[in-house]
Amino acid sequence: MLLIFYVLGRFLIYIPVFKDLGVLFYGTNLALIATYILFFFNIKTSLHIVSMSSAVGFFLIYGTTNNISILPITITLIVITGLLASSRLHLKAHKPLEVYLGFFLGIITQYLGYILL
């Protein structure tokens, strides 16, 4: 998965029309690397929430950098992320800390990817 996101990010970052998608793939790759490092220290995160919050972070950055109002998309993604998080908690697949950690990890790595690129 890391290799696929890296290759997609590297390919798309040099195409001016798709540069923002390249940043998305690099940010998601950073989130996966951070998740694997946390797994090494026996800290579990929700990969479902990491991926959804990466999308939230991407659209927040995209709207800010391009001066576009994407409020409906962002609100929809946050609601879907909340539903997904509550279902993961209801199924007892994760603890609340794991869900919160996944959410913040996804958003922070998108901003990190944007700042680094």
PDB file of N, CA and C in Angstrom:
ATOM      1  N   MET A   1       0.811  -1.176   0.000  1.00  0.00           N
ATOM      2  CA  MET A   1       0.000   0.000   0.000  1.00  0.00           C
ATOM      3  C   MET A   1       0.867   1.257   0.000  1.00  0.00           C
ATOM      4  N   LEU A   2       1.933   1.214   0.803  1.00  0.00           N
ATOM      5  CA  LEU A   2       2.839   2.362   0.841  1.00  0.00           C
ATOM      6  C   LEU A   2       3.446   2.623  -0.532  1.00  0.00           C
ATOM      7  N   LEU A   3       3.853   1.566  -1.186  1.00  0.00           N
ATOM      8  CA  LEU A   3       4.482   1.703  -2.502  1.00  0.00           C
ATOM      9  C   LEU A   3       3.497   2.255  -3.531  1.00  0.00           C
ATOM     10  N   ILE A   4       2.269   1.788  -3.490  1.00  0.00           N
ATOM     11  CA  ILE A   4       1.255   2.264  -4.438  1.00  0.00           C
ATOM     12  C   ILE A   4       0.972   3.749  -4.241  1.00  0.00           C
ATOM     13  N   PHE A   5       0.788   4.162  -2.984  1.00  0.00           N
ATOM     14  CA  PHE A   5       0.522   5.584  -2.723  1.00  0.00           C
ATOM     15  C   PHE A   5       1.722   6.452  -3.063  1.00  0.00           C
ATOM     16  N   TYR A   6       2.924   5.937  -2.822  1.00  0.00           N
ATOM     17  CA  TYR A   6       4.124   6.696  -3.163  1.00  0.00           C
ATOM     18  C   TYR A   6       4.233   6.886  -4.670  1.00  0.00           C
ATOM     19  N   VAL A   7       4.028   5.819  -5.418  1.00  0.00           N
ATOM     20  CA  VAL A   7       4.125   5.893  -6.879  1.00  0.00           C
ATOM     21  C   VAL A   7       3.043   6.816  -7.442  1.00  0.00           C
ATOM     22  N   LEU A   8       1.821   6.697  -6.936  1.00  0.00           N
ATOM     23  CA  LEU A   8       0.755   7.584  -7.401  1.00  0.00           C
ATOM     24  C   LEU A   8       1.047   9.044  -7.063  1.00  0.00           C
ATOM     25  N   GLY A   9       1.524   9.282  -5.856  1.00  0.00           N
ATOM     26  CA  GLY A   9       1.861  10.650  -5.467  1.00  0.00           C
ATOM     27  C   GLY A   9       2.983  11.208  -6.312  1.00  0.00           C
ATOM     28  N   ARG A  10       3.997  10.404  -6.550  1.00  0.00           N
ATOM     29  CA  ARG A  10       5.143  10.847  -7.355  1.00  0.00           C
ATOM     30  C   ARG A  10       4.732  11.117  -8.794  1.00  0.00           C
ATOM     31  N   PHE A  11       3.845  10.301  -9.313  1.00  0.00           N
ATOM     32  CA  PHE A  11       3.384  10.482 -10.688  1.00  0.00           C
ATOM     33  C   PHE A  11       2.502  11.726 -10.821  1.00  0.00           C
ATOM     34  N   LEU A  12       1.584  11.913  -9.883  1.00  0.00           N
ATOM     35  CA  LEU A  12       0.608  12.996  -9.992  1.00  0.00           C
ATOM     36  C   LEU A  12       1.149  14.364  -9.575  1.00  0.00           C
ATOM     37  N   ILE A  13       2.179  14.387  -8.767  1.00  0.00           N
ATOM     38  CA  ILE A  13       2.671  15.667  -8.260  1.00  0.00           C
ATOM     39  C   ILE A  13       3.285  16.519  -9.380  1.00  0.00           C
ATOM     40  N   TYR A  14       3.749  15.879 -10.444  1.00  0.00           N
ATOM     41  CA  TYR A  14       4.390  16.607 -11.540  1.00  0.00           C
ATOM     42  C   TYR A  14       3.433  17.009 -12.654  1.00  0.00           C
ATOM     43  N   ILE A  15       2.182  16.593 -12.556  1.00  0.00           N
ATOM     44  CA  ILE A  15       1.168  17.020 -13.519  1.00  0.00           C
ATOM     45  C   ILE A  15       0.423  18.194 -12.890  1.00  0.00           C
ATOM     46  N   PRO A  16       0.532  19.380 -13.464  1.00  0.00           N
ATOM     47  CA  PRO A  16      -0.027  20.572 -12.804  1.00  0.00           C
ATOM     48  C   PRO A  16      -1.507  20.461 -12.446  1.00  0.00           C
ATOM     49  N   VAL A  17      -2.293  19.825 -13.291  1.00  0.00           N
ATOM     50  CA  VAL A  17      -3.728  19.714 -13.026  1.00  0.00           C
ATOM     51  C   VAL A  17      -3.996  18.793 -11.823  1.00  0.00           C
ATOM     52  N   PHE A  18      -3.159  17.790 -11.644  1.00  0.00           N
ATOM     53  CA  PHE A  18      -3.372  16.787 -10.596  1.00  0.00           C
ATOM     54  C   PHE A  18      -2.421  16.921  -9.421  1.00  0.00           C
ATOM     55  N   LYS A  19      -1.746  18.058  -9.294  1.00  0.00           N
ATOM     56  CA  LYS A  19      -0.767  18.227  -8.217  1.00  0.00           C
ATOM     57  C   LYS A  19      -1.396  18.046  -6.843  1.00  0.00           C
ATOM     58  N   ASP A  20      -2.618  18.542  -6.674  1.00  0.00           N
ATOM     59  CA  ASP A  20      -3.289  18.416  -5.374  1.00  0.00           C
ATOM     60  C   ASP A  20      -3.556  16.955  -5.013  1.00  0.00           C
ATOM     61  N   LEU A  21      -3.870  16.138  -6.008  1.00  0.00           N
ATOM     62  CA  LEU A  21      -4.067  14.711  -5.733  1.00  0.00           C
ATOM     63  C   LEU A  21      -2.756  14.044  -5.341  1.00  0.00           C
ATOM     64  N   GLY A  22      -1.656  14.509  -5.916  1.00  0.00           N
ATOM     65  CA  GLY A  22      -0.348  13.993  -5.510  1.00  0.00           C
ATOM     66  C   GLY A  22      -0.076  14.290  -4.054  1.00  0.00           C
ATOM     67  N   VAL A  23      -0.454  15.494  -3.606  1.00  0.00           N
ATOM     68  CA  VAL A  23      -0.298  15.858  -2.194  1.00  0.00           C
ATOM     69  C   VAL A  23      -1.172  14.955  -1.324  1.00  0.00           C
ATOM     70  N   LEU A  24      -2.382  14.637  -1.797  1.00  0.00           N
ATOM     71  CA  LEU A  24      -3.262  13.727  -1.059  1.00  0.00           C
ATOM     72  C   LEU A  24      -2.600  12.365  -0.872  1.00  0.00           C
ATOM     73  N   PHE A  25      -2.030  11.822  -1.928  1.00  0.00           N
ATOM     74  CA  PHE A  25      -1.401  10.504  -1.817  1.00  0.00           C
ATOM     75  C   PHE A  25      -0.160  10.533  -0.929  1.00  0.00           C
ATOM     76  N   TYR A  26       0.626  11.608  -1.013  1.00  0.00           N
ATOM     77  CA  TYR A  26       1.788  11.717  -0.131  1.00  0.00           C
ATOM     78  C   TYR A  26       1.354  11.856   1.328  1.00  0.00           C
ATOM     79  N   GLY A  27       0.320  12.645   1.591  1.00  0.00           N
ATOM     80  CA  GLY A  27      -0.178  12.794   2.960  1.00  0.00           C
ATOM     81  C   GLY A  27      -0.724  11.489   3.518  1.00  0.00           C
ATOM     82  N   THR A  28      -1.441  10.748   2.678  1.00  0.00           N
ATOM     83  CA  THR A  28      -1.959   9.452   3.114  1.00  0.00           C
ATOM     84  C   THR A  28      -0.827   8.469   3.358  1.00  0.00           C
ATOM     85  N   ASN A  29       0.210   8.556   2.544  1.00  0.00           N
ATOM     86  CA  ASN A  29       1.381   7.716   2.743  1.00  0.00           C
ATOM     87  C   ASN A  29       2.051   8.036   4.074  1.00  0.00           C
ATOM     88  N   LEU A  30       2.145   9.312   4.413  1.00  0.00           N
ATOM     89  CA  LEU A  30       2.685   9.697   5.718  1.00  0.00           C
ATOM     90  C   LEU A  30       1.833   9.137   6.854  1.00  0.00           C
ATOM     91  N   ALA A  31       0.517   9.161   6.682  1.00  0.00           N
ATOM     92  CA  ALA A  31      -0.382   8.618   7.712  1.00  0.00           C
ATOM     93  C   ALA A  31      -0.164   7.121   7.891  1.00  0.00           C
ATOM     94  N   LEU A  32       0.024   6.410   6.791  1.00  0.00           N
ATOM     95  CA  LEU A  32       0.273   4.971   6.893  1.00  0.00           C
ATOM     96  C   LEU A  32       1.613   4.678   7.558  1.00  0.00           C
ATOM     97  N   ILE A  33       2.629   5.464   7.226  1.00  0.00           N
ATOM     98  CA  ILE A  33       3.932   5.276   7.867  1.00  0.00           C
ATOM     99  C   ILE A  33       3.824   5.532   9.366  1.00  0.00           C
ATOM    100  N   ALA A  34       3.140   6.604   9.745  1.00  0.00           N
ATOM    101  CA  ALA A  34       2.957   6.907  11.169  1.00  0.00           C
ATOM    102  C   ALA A  34       2.169   5.801  11.867  1.00  0.00           C
ATOM    103  N   THR A  35       1.171   5.259  11.181  1.00  0.00           N
ATOM    104  CA  THR A  35       0.380   4.164  11.761  1.00  0.00           C
ATOM    105  C   THR A  35       1.232   2.922  11.965  1.00  0.00           C
ATOM    106  N   TYR A  36       2.079   2.603  10.988  1.00  0.00           N
ATOM    107  CA  TYR A  36       2.953   1.430  11.132  1.00  0.00           C
ATOM    108  C   TYR A  36       3.960   1.626  12.255  1.00  0.00           C
ATOM    109  N   ILE A  37       4.445   2.849  12.425  1.00  0.00           N
ATOM    110  CA  ILE A  37       5.360   3.124  13.537  1.00  0.00           C
ATOM    111  C   ILE A  37       4.624   2.950  14.868  1.00  0.00           C
ATOM    112  N   LEU A  38       3.387   3.433  14.945  1.00  0.00           N
ATOM    113  CA  LEU A  38       2.608   3.247  16.173  1.00  0.00           C
ATOM    114  C   LEU A  38       2.313   1.773  16.432  1.00  0.00           C
ATOM    115  N   PHE A  39       2.068   1.003  15.371  1.00  0.00           N
ATOM    116  CA  PHE A  39       1.849  -0.441  15.536  1.00  0.00           C
ATOM    117  C   PHE A  39       3.087  -1.112  16.118  1.00  0.00           C
ATOM    118  N   PHE A  40       4.254  -0.632  15.734  1.00  0.00           N
ATOM    119  CA  PHE A  40       5.503  -1.189  16.255  1.00  0.00           C
ATOM    120  C   PHE A  40       5.577  -1.021  17.769  1.00  0.00           C
ATOM    121  N   PHE A  41       5.016   0.071  18.279  1.00  0.00           N
ATOM    122  CA  PHE A  41       5.003   0.323  19.719  1.00  0.00           C
ATOM    123  C   PHE A  41       3.712  -0.165  20.382  1.00  0.00           C
ATOM    124  N   ASN A  42       2.992  -1.046  19.699  1.00  0.00           N
ATOM    125  CA  ASN A  42       1.747  -1.648  20.195  1.00  0.00           C
ATOM    126  C   ASN A  42       0.667  -0.614  20.491  1.00  0.00           C
ATOM    127  N   ILE A  43       0.623   0.449  19.699  1.00  0.00           N
ATOM    128  CA  ILE A  43      -0.440   1.444  19.793  1.00  0.00           C
ATOM    129  C   ILE A  43      -1.321   1.267  18.565  1.00  0.00           C
ATOM    130  N   LYS A  44      -2.568   0.897  18.788  1.00  0.00           N
ATOM    131  CA  LYS A  44      -3.480   0.607  17.702  1.00  0.00           C
ATOM    132  C   LYS A  44      -4.241   1.868  17.297  1.00  0.00           C
ATOM    133  N   THR A  45      -4.416   2.062  16.001  1.00  0.00           N
ATOM    134  CA  THR A  45      -5.248   3.157  15.497  1.00  0.00           C
ATOM    135  C   THR A  45      -6.264   2.586  14.522  1.00  0.00           C
ATOM    136  N   SER A  46      -7.290   3.334  14.252  1.00  0.00           N
ATOM    137  CA  SER A  46      -8.315   2.908  13.311  1.00  0.00           C
ATOM    138  C   SER A  46      -7.925   3.365  11.909  1.00  0.00           C
ATOM    139  N   LEU A  47      -7.592   2.420  11.047  1.00  0.00           N
ATOM    140  CA  LEU A  47      -7.215   2.763   9.677  1.00  0.00           C
ATOM    141  C   LEU A  47      -8.404   3.296   8.886  1.00  0.00           C
ATOM    142  N   HIS A  48      -9.607   2.867   9.256  1.00  0.00           N
ATOM    143  CA  HIS A  48     -10.798   3.407   8.603  1.00  0.00           C
ATOM    144  C   HIS A  48     -10.896   4.919   8.848  1.00  0.00           C
ATOM    145  N   ILE A  49     -10.694   5.300  10.082  1.00  0.00           N
ATOM    146  CA  ILE A  49     -10.800   6.719  10.440  1.00  0.00           C
ATOM    147  C   ILE A  49      -9.618   7.505   9.890  1.00  0.00           C
ATOM    148  N   VAL A  50      -8.450   6.885   9.837  1.00  0.00           N
ATOM    149  CA  VAL A  50      -7.285   7.557   9.250  1.00  0.00           C
ATOM    150  C   VAL A  50      -7.563   7.916   7.796  1.00  0.00           C
ATOM    151  N   SER A  51      -8.137   6.989   7.054  1.00  0.00           N
ATOM    152  CA  SER A  51      -8.395   7.266   5.635  1.00  0.00           C
ATOM    153  C   SER A  51      -9.479   8.325   5.455  1.00  0.00           C
ATOM    154  N   MET A  52     -10.519   8.274   6.267  1.00  0.00           N
ATOM    155  CA  MET A  52     -11.579   9.280   6.143  1.00  0.00           C
ATOM    156  C   MET A  52     -11.099  10.663   6.573  1.00  0.00           C
ATOM    157  N   SER A  53     -10.322  10.722   7.641  1.00  0.00           N
ATOM    158  CA  SER A  53      -9.841  12.031   8.083  1.00  0.00           C
ATOM    159  C   SER A  53      -8.763  12.562   7.150  1.00  0.00           C
ATOM    160  N   SER A  54      -8.082  11.696   6.434  1.00  0.00           N
ATOM    161  CA  SER A  54      -7.157  12.167   5.395  1.00  0.00           C
ATOM    162  C   SER A  54      -7.933  12.874   4.297  1.00  0.00           C
ATOM    163  N   ALA A  55      -9.090  12.344   3.954  1.00  0.00           N
ATOM    164  CA  ALA A  55      -9.933  13.009   2.954  1.00  0.00           C
ATOM    165  C   ALA A  55     -10.444  14.346   3.482  1.00  0.00           C
ATOM    166  N   VAL A  56     -10.813  14.395   4.760  1.00  0.00           N
ATOM    167  CA  VAL A  56     -11.266  15.650   5.362  1.00  0.00           C
ATOM    168  C   VAL A  56     -10.136  16.676   5.331  1.00  0.00           C
ATOM    169  N   GLY A  57      -8.946  16.258   5.741  1.00  0.00           N
ATOM    170  CA  GLY A  57      -7.802  17.158   5.735  1.00  0.00           C
ATOM    171  C   GLY A  57      -7.453  17.641   4.339  1.00  0.00           C
ATOM    172  N   PHE A  58      -7.544  16.743   3.365  1.00  0.00           N
ATOM    173  CA  PHE A  58      -7.251  17.130   1.989  1.00  0.00           C
ATOM    174  C   PHE A  58      -8.219  18.188   1.500  1.00  0.00           C
ATOM    175  N   PHE A  59      -9.507  17.998   1.741  1.00  0.00           N
ATOM    176  CA  PHE A  59     -10.480  18.975   1.267  1.00  0.00           C
ATOM    177  C   PHE A  59     -10.384  20.295   2.022  1.00  0.00           C
ATOM    178  N   LEU A  60      -9.996  20.263   3.280  1.00  0.00           N
ATOM    179  CA  LEU A  60      -9.771  21.513   4.015  1.00  0.00           C
ATOM    180  C   LEU A  60      -8.607  22.286   3.396  1.00  0.00           C
ATOM    181  N   ILE A  61      -7.529  21.588   3.082  1.00  0.00           N
ATOM    182  CA  ILE A  61      -6.372  22.229   2.451  1.00  0.00           C
ATOM    183  C   ILE A  61      -6.718  22.703   1.051  1.00  0.00           C
ATOM    184  N   TYR A  62      -7.413  21.868   0.290  1.00  0.00           N
ATOM    185  CA  TYR A  62      -7.772  22.212  -1.087  1.00  0.00           C
ATOM    186  C   TYR A  62      -8.654  23.455  -1.135  1.00  0.00           C
ATOM    187  N   GLY A  63      -9.618  23.529  -0.243  1.00  0.00           N
ATOM    188  CA  GLY A  63     -10.494  24.691  -0.208  1.00  0.00           C
ATOM    189  C   GLY A  63      -9.766  25.954   0.207  1.00  0.00           C
ATOM    190  N   THR A  64      -8.845  25.825   1.128  1.00  0.00           N
ATOM    191  CA  THR A  64      -8.095  26.982   1.602  1.00  0.00           C
ATOM    192  C   THR A  64      -7.121  27.493   0.544  1.00  0.00           C
ATOM    193  N   THR A  65      -6.399  26.590  -0.096  1.00  0.00           N
ATOM    194  CA  THR A  65      -5.386  27.011  -1.068  1.00  0.00           C
ATOM    195  C   THR A  65      -5.993  27.546  -2.357  1.00  0.00           C
ATOM    196  N   ASN A  66      -7.148  27.047  -2.748  1.00  0.00           N
ATOM    197  CA  ASN A  66      -7.757  27.467  -4.007  1.00  0.00           C
ATOM    198  C   ASN A  66      -8.886  28.476  -3.830  1.00  0.00           C
ATOM    199  N   ASN A  67      -9.103  28.928  -2.599  1.00  0.00           N
ATOM    200  CA  ASN A  67     -10.174  29.892  -2.305  1.00  0.00           C
ATOM    201  C   ASN A  67     -11.536  29.441  -2.825  1.00  0.00           C
ATOM    202  N   ILE A  68     -11.856  28.188  -2.573  1.00  0.00           N
ATOM    203  CA  ILE A  68     -13.140  27.617  -2.982  1.00  0.00           C
ATOM    204  C   ILE A  68     -13.901  27.249  -1.705  1.00  0.00           C
ATOM    205  N   SER A  69     -15.196  27.475  -1.718  1.00  0.00           N
ATOM    206  CA  SER A  69     -16.018  27.049  -0.589  1.00  0.00           C
ATOM    207  C   SER A  69     -16.453  25.607  -0.813  1.00  0.00           C
ATOM    208  N   ILE A  70     -15.853  24.726  -0.067  1.00  0.00           N
ATOM    209  CA  ILE A  70     -16.219  23.313  -0.171  1.00  0.00           C
ATOM    210  C   ILE A  70     -16.846  22.837   1.137  1.00  0.00           C
ATOM    211  N   LEU A  71     -17.556  23.744   1.770  1.00  0.00           N
ATOM    212  CA  LEU A  71     -18.176  23.452   3.054  1.00  0.00           C
ATOM    213  C   LEU A  71     -19.120  22.244   3.004  1.00  0.00           C
ATOM    214  N   PRO A  72     -19.987  22.092   1.964  1.00  0.00           N
ATOM    215  CA  PRO A  72     -20.866  20.914   1.943  1.00  0.00           C
ATOM    216  C   PRO A  72     -20.092  19.591   1.888  1.00  0.00           C
ATOM    217  N   ILE A  73     -19.015  19.565   1.114  1.00  0.00           N
ATOM    218  CA  ILE A  73     -18.209  18.336   1.026  1.00  0.00           C
ATOM    219  C   ILE A  73     -17.552  18.045   2.366  1.00  0.00           C
ATOM    220  N   THR A  74     -16.999  19.082   2.981  1.00  0.00           N
ATOM    221  CA  THR A  74     -16.314  18.900   4.254  1.00  0.00           C
ATOM    222  C   THR A  74     -17.278  18.441   5.342  1.00  0.00           C
ATOM    223  N   ILE A  75     -18.440  19.059   5.411  1.00  0.00           N
ATOM    224  CA  ILE A  75     -19.426  18.659   6.424  1.00  0.00           C
ATOM    225  C   ILE A  75     -19.887  17.228   6.183  1.00  0.00           C
ATOM    226  N   THR A  76     -20.126  16.888   4.929  1.00  0.00           N
ATOM    227  CA  THR A  76     -20.547  15.520   4.604  1.00  0.00           C
ATOM    228  C   THR A  76     -19.483  14.505   5.010  1.00  0.00           C
ATOM    229  N   LEU A  77     -18.231  14.810   4.718  1.00  0.00           N
ATOM    230  CA  LEU A  77     -17.154  13.897   5.098  1.00  0.00           C
ATOM    231  C   LEU A  77     -17.011  13.778   6.609  1.00  0.00           C
ATOM    232  N   ILE A  78     -17.177  14.872   7.322  1.00  0.00           N
ATOM    233  CA  ILE A  78     -17.080  14.812   8.787  1.00  0.00           C
ATOM    234  C   ILE A  78     -18.226  13.994   9.370  1.00  0.00           C
ATOM    235  N   VAL A  79     -19.429  14.139   8.816  1.00  0.00           N
ATOM    236  CA  VAL A  79     -20.576  13.342   9.291  1.00  0.00           C
ATOM    237  C   VAL A  79     -20.344  11.855   8.997  1.00  0.00           C
ATOM    238  N   ILE A  80     -19.876  11.548   7.792  1.00  0.00           N
ATOM    239  CA  ILE A  80     -19.607  10.142   7.446  1.00  0.00           C
ATOM    240  C   ILE A  80     -18.505   9.576   8.333  1.00  0.00           C
ATOM    241  N   THR A  81     -17.483  10.391   8.606  1.00  0.00           N
ATOM    242  CA  THR A  81     -16.406   9.949   9.498  1.00  0.00           C
ATOM    243  C   THR A  81     -16.945   9.689  10.896  1.00  0.00           C
ATOM    244  N   GLY A  82     -17.825  10.554  11.366  1.00  0.00           N
ATOM    245  CA  GLY A  82     -18.437  10.350  12.681  1.00  0.00           C
ATOM    246  C   GLY A  82     -19.281   9.085  12.737  1.00  0.00           C
ATOM    247  N   LEU A  83     -20.047   8.835  11.673  1.00  0.00           N
ATOM    248  CA  LEU A  83     -20.846   7.598  11.619  1.00  0.00           C
ATOM    249  C   LEU A  83     -19.950   6.366  11.600  1.00  0.00           C
ATOM    250  N   LEU A  84     -18.882   6.443  10.829  1.00  0.00           N
ATOM    251  CA  LEU A  84     -17.942   5.322  10.762  1.00  0.00           C
ATOM    252  C   LEU A  84     -17.270   5.105  12.113  1.00  0.00           C
ATOM    253  N   ALA A  85     -16.870   6.191  12.763  1.00  0.00           N
ATOM    254  CA  ALA A  85     -16.227   6.078  14.072  1.00  0.00           C
ATOM    255  C   ALA A  85     -17.180   5.481  15.104  1.00  0.00           C
ATOM    256  N   SER A  86     -18.427   5.945  15.096  1.00  0.00           N
ATOM    257  CA  SER A  86     -19.375   5.404  16.069  1.00  0.00           C
ATOM    258  C   SER A  86     -19.688   3.940  15.795  1.00  0.00           C
ATOM    259  N   SER A  87     -19.701   3.554  14.526  1.00  0.00           N
ATOM    260  CA  SER A  87     -19.937   2.138  14.228  1.00  0.00           C
ATOM    261  C   SER A  87     -18.750   1.277  14.660  1.00  0.00           C
ATOM    262  N   ARG A  88     -17.534   1.799  14.511  1.00  0.00           N
ATOM    263  CA  ARG A  88     -16.354   1.048  14.972  1.00  0.00           C
ATOM    264  C   ARG A  88     -16.379   0.893  16.494  1.00  0.00           C
ATOM    265  N   LEU A  89     -16.844   1.932  17.169  1.00  0.00           N
ATOM    266  CA  LEU A  89     -16.948   1.855  18.627  1.00  0.00           C
ATOM    267  C   LEU A  89     -18.087   0.928  19.050  1.00  0.00           C
ATOM    268  N   HIS A  90     -19.206   0.990  18.334  1.00  0.00           N
ATOM    269  CA  HIS A  90     -20.359   0.135  18.659  1.00  0.00           C
ATOM    270  C   HIS A  90     -20.017  -1.342  18.474  1.00  0.00           C
ATOM    271  N   LEU A  91     -19.245  -1.630  17.446  1.00  0.00           N
ATOM    272  CA  LEU A  91     -18.836  -3.017  17.194  1.00  0.00           C
ATOM    273  C   LEU A  91     -17.704  -3.476  18.103  1.00  0.00           C
ATOM    274  N   LYS A  92     -17.232  -2.555  18.942  1.00  0.00           N
ATOM    275  CA  LYS A  92     -16.121  -2.821  19.855  1.00  0.00           C
ATOM    276  C   LYS A  92     -14.859  -3.244  19.104  1.00  0.00           C
ATOM    277  N   ALA A  93     -14.706  -2.715  17.898  1.00  0.00           N
ATOM    278  CA  ALA A  93     -13.492  -2.977  17.122  1.00  0.00           C
ATOM    279  C   ALA A  93     -12.353  -2.091  17.584  1.00  0.00           C
ATOM    280  N   HIS A  94     -12.698  -0.938  18.179  1.00  0.00           N
ATOM    281  CA  HIS A  94     -11.695   0.013  18.660  1.00  0.00           C
ATOM    282  C   HIS A  94     -12.160   0.647  19.953  1.00  0.00           C
ATOM    283  N   LYS A  95     -11.189   1.196  20.663  1.00  0.00           N
ATOM    284  CA  LYS A  95     -11.472   2.010  21.844  1.00  0.00           C
ATOM    285  C   LYS A  95     -11.530   3.470  21.397  1.00  0.00           C
ATOM    286  N   PRO A  96     -12.141   4.343  22.197  1.00  0.00           N
ATOM    287  CA  PRO A  96     -12.239   5.752  21.789  1.00  0.00           C
ATOM    288  C   PRO A  96     -10.889   6.404  21.495  1.00  0.00           C
ATOM    289  N   LEU A  97      -9.873   6.077  22.267  1.00  0.00           N
ATOM    290  CA  LEU A  97      -8.552   6.666  22.035  1.00  0.00           C
ATOM    291  C   LEU A  97      -8.016   6.294  20.657  1.00  0.00           C
ATOM    292  N   GLU A  98      -8.244   5.068  20.233  1.00  0.00           N
ATOM    293  CA  GLU A  98      -7.773   4.614  18.921  1.00  0.00           C
ATOM    294  C   GLU A  98      -8.469   5.358  17.792  1.00  0.00           C
ATOM    295  N   VAL A  99      -9.756   5.637  17.977  1.00  0.00           N
ATOM    296  CA  VAL A  99     -10.521   6.374  16.973  1.00  0.00           C
ATOM    297  C   VAL A  99     -10.050   7.818  16.906  1.00  0.00           C
ATOM    298  N   TYR A 100      -9.892   8.445  18.077  1.00  0.00           N
ATOM    299  CA  TYR A 100      -9.409   9.838  18.096  1.00  0.00           C
ATOM    300  C   TYR A 100      -8.009   9.940  17.512  1.00  0.00           C
ATOM    301  N   LEU A 101      -7.170   9.001  17.865  1.00  0.00           N
ATOM    302  CA  LEU A 101      -5.806   9.000  17.347  1.00  0.00           C
ATOM    303  C   LEU A 101      -5.801   8.864  15.826  1.00  0.00           C
ATOM    304  N   GLY A 102      -6.637   8.002  15.298  1.00  0.00           N
ATOM    305  CA  GLY A 102      -6.745   7.847  13.852  1.00  0.00           C
ATOM    306  C   GLY A 102      -7.244   9.105  13.166  1.00  0.00           C
ATOM    307  N   PHE A 103      -8.213   9.783  13.792  1.00  0.00           N
ATOM    308  CA  PHE A 103      -8.755  11.003  13.196  1.00  0.00           C
ATOM    309  C   PHE A 103      -7.699  12.100  13.125  1.00  0.00           C
ATOM    310  N   PHE A 104      -7.044  12.350  14.233  1.00  0.00           N
ATOM    311  CA  PHE A 104      -6.048  13.418  14.247  1.00  0.00           C
ATOM    312  C   PHE A 104      -4.815  13.063  13.427  1.00  0.00           C
ATOM    313  N   LEU A 105      -4.474  11.800  13.389  1.00  0.00           N
ATOM    314  CA  LEU A 105      -3.332  11.367  12.580  1.00  0.00           C
ATOM    315  C   LEU A 105      -3.590  11.618  11.100  1.00  0.00           C
ATOM    316  N   GLY A 106      -4.792  11.334  10.637  1.00  0.00           N
ATOM    317  CA  GLY A 106      -5.125  11.556   9.231  1.00  0.00           C
ATOM    318  C   GLY A 106      -5.091  13.018   8.844  1.00  0.00           C
ATOM    319  N   ILE A 107      -5.644  13.883   9.686  1.00  0.00           N
ATOM    320  CA  ILE A 107      -5.670  15.315   9.365  1.00  0.00           C
ATOM    321  C   ILE A 107      -4.274  15.926   9.470  1.00  0.00           C
ATOM    322  N   ILE A 108      -3.547  15.588  10.522  1.00  0.00           N
ATOM    323  CA  ILE A 108      -2.221  16.183  10.728  1.00  0.00           C
ATOM    324  C   ILE A 108      -1.256  15.779   9.624  1.00  0.00           C
ATOM    325  N   THR A 109      -1.318  14.529   9.185  1.00  0.00           N
ATOM    326  CA  THR A 109      -0.383  14.109   8.134  1.00  0.00           C
ATOM    327  C   THR A 109      -0.711  14.754   6.792  1.00  0.00           C
ATOM    328  N   GLN A 110      -1.970  15.077   6.542  1.00  0.00           N
ATOM    329  CA  GLN A 110      -2.297  15.808   5.315  1.00  0.00           C
ATOM    330  C   GLN A 110      -1.680  17.197   5.352  1.00  0.00           C
ATOM    331  N   TYR A 111      -1.796  17.867   6.497  1.00  0.00           N
ATOM    332  CA  TYR A 111      -1.181  19.186   6.620  1.00  0.00           C
ATOM    333  C   TYR A 111       0.341  19.090   6.554  1.00  0.00           C
ATOM    334  N   LEU A 112       0.901  18.059   7.142  1.00  0.00           N
ATOM    335  CA  LEU A 112       2.341  17.857   7.056  1.00  0.00           C
ATOM    336  C   LEU A 112       2.787  17.631   5.619  1.00  0.00           C
ATOM    337  N   GLY A 113       2.042  16.816   4.906  1.00  0.00           N
ATOM    338  CA  GLY A 113       2.365  16.572   3.495  1.00  0.00           C
ATOM    339  C   GLY A 113       2.276  17.845   2.664  1.00  0.00           C
ATOM    340  N   TYR A 114       1.291  18.659   2.958  1.00  0.00           N
ATOM    341  CA  TYR A 114       1.142  19.935   2.221  1.00  0.00           C
ATOM    342  C   TYR A 114       2.302  20.873   2.542  1.00  0.00           C
ATOM    343  N   ILE A 115       2.675  20.950   3.809  1.00  0.00           N
ATOM    344  CA  ILE A 115       3.759  21.858   4.209  1.00  0.00           C
ATOM    345  C   ILE A 115       5.090  21.380   3.628  1.00  0.00           C
ATOM    346  N   LEU A 116       5.333  20.084   3.664  1.00  0.00           N
ATOM    347  CA  LEU A 116       6.617  19.557   3.167  1.00  0.00           C
ATOM    348  C   LEU A 116       6.738  19.662   1.653  1.00  0.00           C
ATOM    349  N   LEU A 117       5.611  19.630   0.951  1.00  0.00           N
ATOM    350  CA  LEU A 117       5.692  19.691  -0.514  1.00  0.00           C
ATOM    351  C   LEU A 117       5.442  21.113  -0.963  1.00  0.00           C
TER     352      LEU A 117
END
